[in-house]
Amino acid sequence: MALTFFKTPRNKKFNYRPVYYDQKKDERDQRLKSAFEEENADYEKALRERMRTRWKRTSEARSRRASNQRLVIIFVIIFLLFYLVFFI
């Protein structure tokens, strides 16, 4: 064993485990749970919940599609500007 005058610091150890949250899986499990409950006799409430989730899903898809269209239009405009600047 070597004789040392100064202690070198050791690496710190952490017990960190990252947690992954899947919102779609959580919503799916909630829908399955409500579908299998026998007390869920309130048809109107279940219908409203289904309509709300369907509307949310379609609104997300609509906004994603609009964003993609904007991106394509911007790329086309940039391409046309480069074409006009460098080739004309």
C-alpha atoms as a PDB file:
ATOM      1  CA  MET A   1       0.000   0.000   0.000  1.00  0.00           C
ATOM      2  CA  ALA A   2       1.366   3.379  -1.037  1.00  0.00           C
ATOM      3  CA  LEU A   3       1.702   6.216   1.396  1.00  0.00           C
ATOM      4  CA  THR A   4      -0.337   9.246   0.238  1.00  0.00           C
ATOM      5  CA  PHE A   5      -0.484  12.715   1.730  1.00  0.00           C
ATOM      6  CA  PHE A   6      -3.605  13.874  -0.082  1.00  0.00           C
ATOM      7  CA  LYS A   7      -6.849  11.986  -0.539  1.00  0.00           C
ATOM      8  CA  THR A   8      -8.192  11.880  -4.058  1.00  0.00           C
ATOM      9  CA  PRO A   9     -11.950  12.407  -4.310  1.00  0.00           C
ATOM     10  CA  ARG A  10     -14.040   9.353  -5.168  1.00  0.00           C
ATOM     11  CA  ASN A  11     -16.784   9.302  -7.759  1.00  0.00           C
ATOM     12  CA  LYS A  12     -20.218   9.967  -6.375  1.00  0.00           C
ATOM     13  CA  LYS A  13     -22.823   7.253  -6.877  1.00  0.00           C
ATOM     14  CA  PHE A  14     -26.484   8.002  -7.364  1.00  0.00           C
ATOM     15  CA  ASN A  15     -29.440   5.630  -7.365  1.00  0.00           C
ATOM     16  CA  TYR A  16     -31.381   7.468 -10.048  1.00  0.00           C
ATOM     17  CA  ARG A  17     -33.798   5.506 -12.213  1.00  0.00           C
ATOM     18  CA  PRO A  18     -35.447   7.505 -14.985  1.00  0.00           C
ATOM     19  CA  VAL A  19     -39.224   7.173 -15.178  1.00  0.00           C
ATOM     20  CA  TYR A  20     -40.893   7.006 -18.572  1.00  0.00           C
ATOM     21  CA  TYR A  21     -44.472   8.261 -18.773  1.00  0.00           C
ATOM     22  CA  ASP A  22     -46.526   7.142 -21.738  1.00  0.00           C
ATOM     23  CA  GLN A  23     -49.615   9.329 -21.947  1.00  0.00           C
ATOM     24  CA  LYS A  24     -51.245   7.280 -24.716  1.00  0.00           C
ATOM     25  CA  LYS A  25     -50.857   4.061 -22.718  1.00  0.00           C
ATOM     26  CA  ASP A  26     -52.294   5.757 -19.641  1.00  0.00           C
ATOM     27  CA  GLU A  27     -55.336   6.980 -21.597  1.00  0.00           C
ATOM     28  CA  ARG A  28     -55.801   3.545 -23.180  1.00  0.00           C
ATOM     29  CA  ASP A  29     -55.690   1.840 -19.772  1.00  0.00           C
ATOM     30  CA  GLN A  30     -58.198   4.328 -18.413  1.00  0.00           C
ATOM     31  CA  ARG A  31     -60.579   3.646 -21.316  1.00  0.00           C
ATOM     32  CA  LEU A  32     -60.244  -0.123 -20.848  1.00  0.00           C
ATOM     33  CA  LYS A  33     -60.872   0.197 -17.128  1.00  0.00           C
ATOM     34  CA  SER A  34     -64.009   2.270 -17.675  1.00  0.00           C
ATOM     35  CA  ALA A  35     -65.221  -0.135 -20.360  1.00  0.00           C
ATOM     36  CA  PHE A  36     -64.913  -3.181 -18.103  1.00  0.00           C
ATOM     37  CA  GLU A  37     -66.487  -1.594 -15.048  1.00  0.00           C
ATOM     38  CA  GLU A  38     -69.943  -2.942 -14.401  1.00  0.00           C
ATOM     39  CA  GLU A  39     -71.006   0.203 -12.605  1.00  0.00           C
ATOM     40  CA  ASN A  40     -70.514   2.246 -15.777  1.00  0.00           C
ATOM     41  CA  ALA A  41     -74.193   2.303 -16.672  1.00  0.00           C
ATOM     42  CA  ASP A  42     -74.134   6.008 -17.456  1.00  0.00           C
ATOM     43  CA  TYR A  43     -74.128   5.820 -21.255  1.00  0.00           C
ATOM     44  CA  GLU A  44     -74.189   9.573 -21.753  1.00  0.00           C
ATOM     45  CA  LYS A  45     -71.066  10.113 -19.664  1.00  0.00           C
ATOM     46  CA  ALA A  46     -69.190   7.377 -21.524  1.00  0.00           C
ATOM     47  CA  LEU A  47     -70.281   8.802 -24.871  1.00  0.00           C
ATOM     48  CA  ARG A  48     -69.053  12.280 -23.910  1.00  0.00           C
ATOM     49  CA  GLU A  49     -65.699  10.864 -22.843  1.00  0.00           C
ATOM     50  CA  ARG A  50     -65.313   8.970 -26.130  1.00  0.00           C
ATOM     51  CA  MET A  51     -66.220  12.081 -28.109  1.00  0.00           C
ATOM     52  CA  ARG A  52     -63.742  14.177 -26.098  1.00  0.00           C
ATOM     53  CA  THR A  53     -60.853  11.759 -26.709  1.00  0.00           C
ATOM     54  CA  ARG A  54     -61.723  11.423 -30.401  1.00  0.00           C
ATOM     55  CA  TRP A  55     -61.891  15.212 -30.824  1.00  0.00           C
ATOM     56  CA  LYS A  56     -58.576  15.597 -29.030  1.00  0.00           C
ATOM     57  CA  ARG A  57     -56.969  12.991 -31.279  1.00  0.00           C
ATOM     58  CA  THR A  58     -58.292  14.604 -34.482  1.00  0.00           C
ATOM     59  CA  SER A  59     -57.310  18.113 -33.373  1.00  0.00           C
ATOM     60  CA  GLU A  60     -53.755  16.927 -32.699  1.00  0.00           C
ATOM     61  CA  ALA A  61     -53.592  15.305 -36.141  1.00  0.00           C
ATOM     62  CA  ARG A  62     -54.985  18.443 -37.770  1.00  0.00           C
ATOM     63  CA  SER A  63     -52.408  20.688 -36.119  1.00  0.00           C
ATOM     64  CA  ARG A  64     -49.603  18.284 -37.056  1.00  0.00           C
ATOM     65  CA  ARG A  65     -50.767  18.253 -40.684  1.00  0.00           C
ATOM     66  CA  ALA A  66     -50.947  22.069 -40.786  1.00  0.00           C
ATOM     67  CA  SER A  67     -47.448  22.306 -39.344  1.00  0.00           C
ATOM     68  CA  ASN A  68     -46.095  19.934 -41.993  1.00  0.00           C
ATOM     69  CA  GLN A  69     -47.788  21.916 -44.767  1.00  0.00           C
ATOM     70  CA  ARG A  70     -46.248  25.153 -43.470  1.00  0.00           C
ATOM     71  CA  LEU A  71     -42.833  23.536 -43.411  1.00  0.00           C
ATOM     72  CA  VAL A  72     -43.145  22.340 -47.017  1.00  0.00           C
ATOM     73  CA  ILE A  73     -44.259  25.796 -48.167  1.00  0.00           C
ATOM     74  CA  ILE A  74     -41.295  27.417 -46.401  1.00  0.00           C
ATOM     75  CA  PHE A  75     -38.873  24.972 -48.065  1.00  0.00           C
ATOM     76  CA  VAL A  76     -40.378  25.682 -51.482  1.00  0.00           C
ATOM     77  CA  ILE A  77     -40.055  29.453 -50.965  1.00  0.00           C
ATOM     78  CA  ILE A  78     -36.447  29.104 -49.802  1.00  0.00           C
ATOM     79  CA  PHE A  79     -35.628  26.890 -52.791  1.00  0.00           C
ATOM     80  CA  LEU A  80     -37.163  29.417 -55.179  1.00  0.00           C
ATOM     81  CA  LEU A  81     -35.238  32.283 -53.579  1.00  0.00           C
ATOM     82  CA  PHE A  82     -31.939  30.380 -53.895  1.00  0.00           C
ATOM     83  CA  TYR A  83     -32.767  29.547 -57.489  1.00  0.00           C
ATOM     84  CA  LEU A  84     -33.479  33.179 -58.301  1.00  0.00           C
ATOM     85  CA  VAL A  85     -30.357  34.451 -56.545  1.00  0.00           C
ATOM     86  CA  PHE A  86     -27.816  31.953 -57.899  1.00  0.00           C
ATOM     87  CA  PHE A  87     -29.132  30.976 -61.339  1.00  0.00           C
ATOM     88  CA  ILE A  88     -30.698  34.135 -62.726  1.00  0.00           C
END
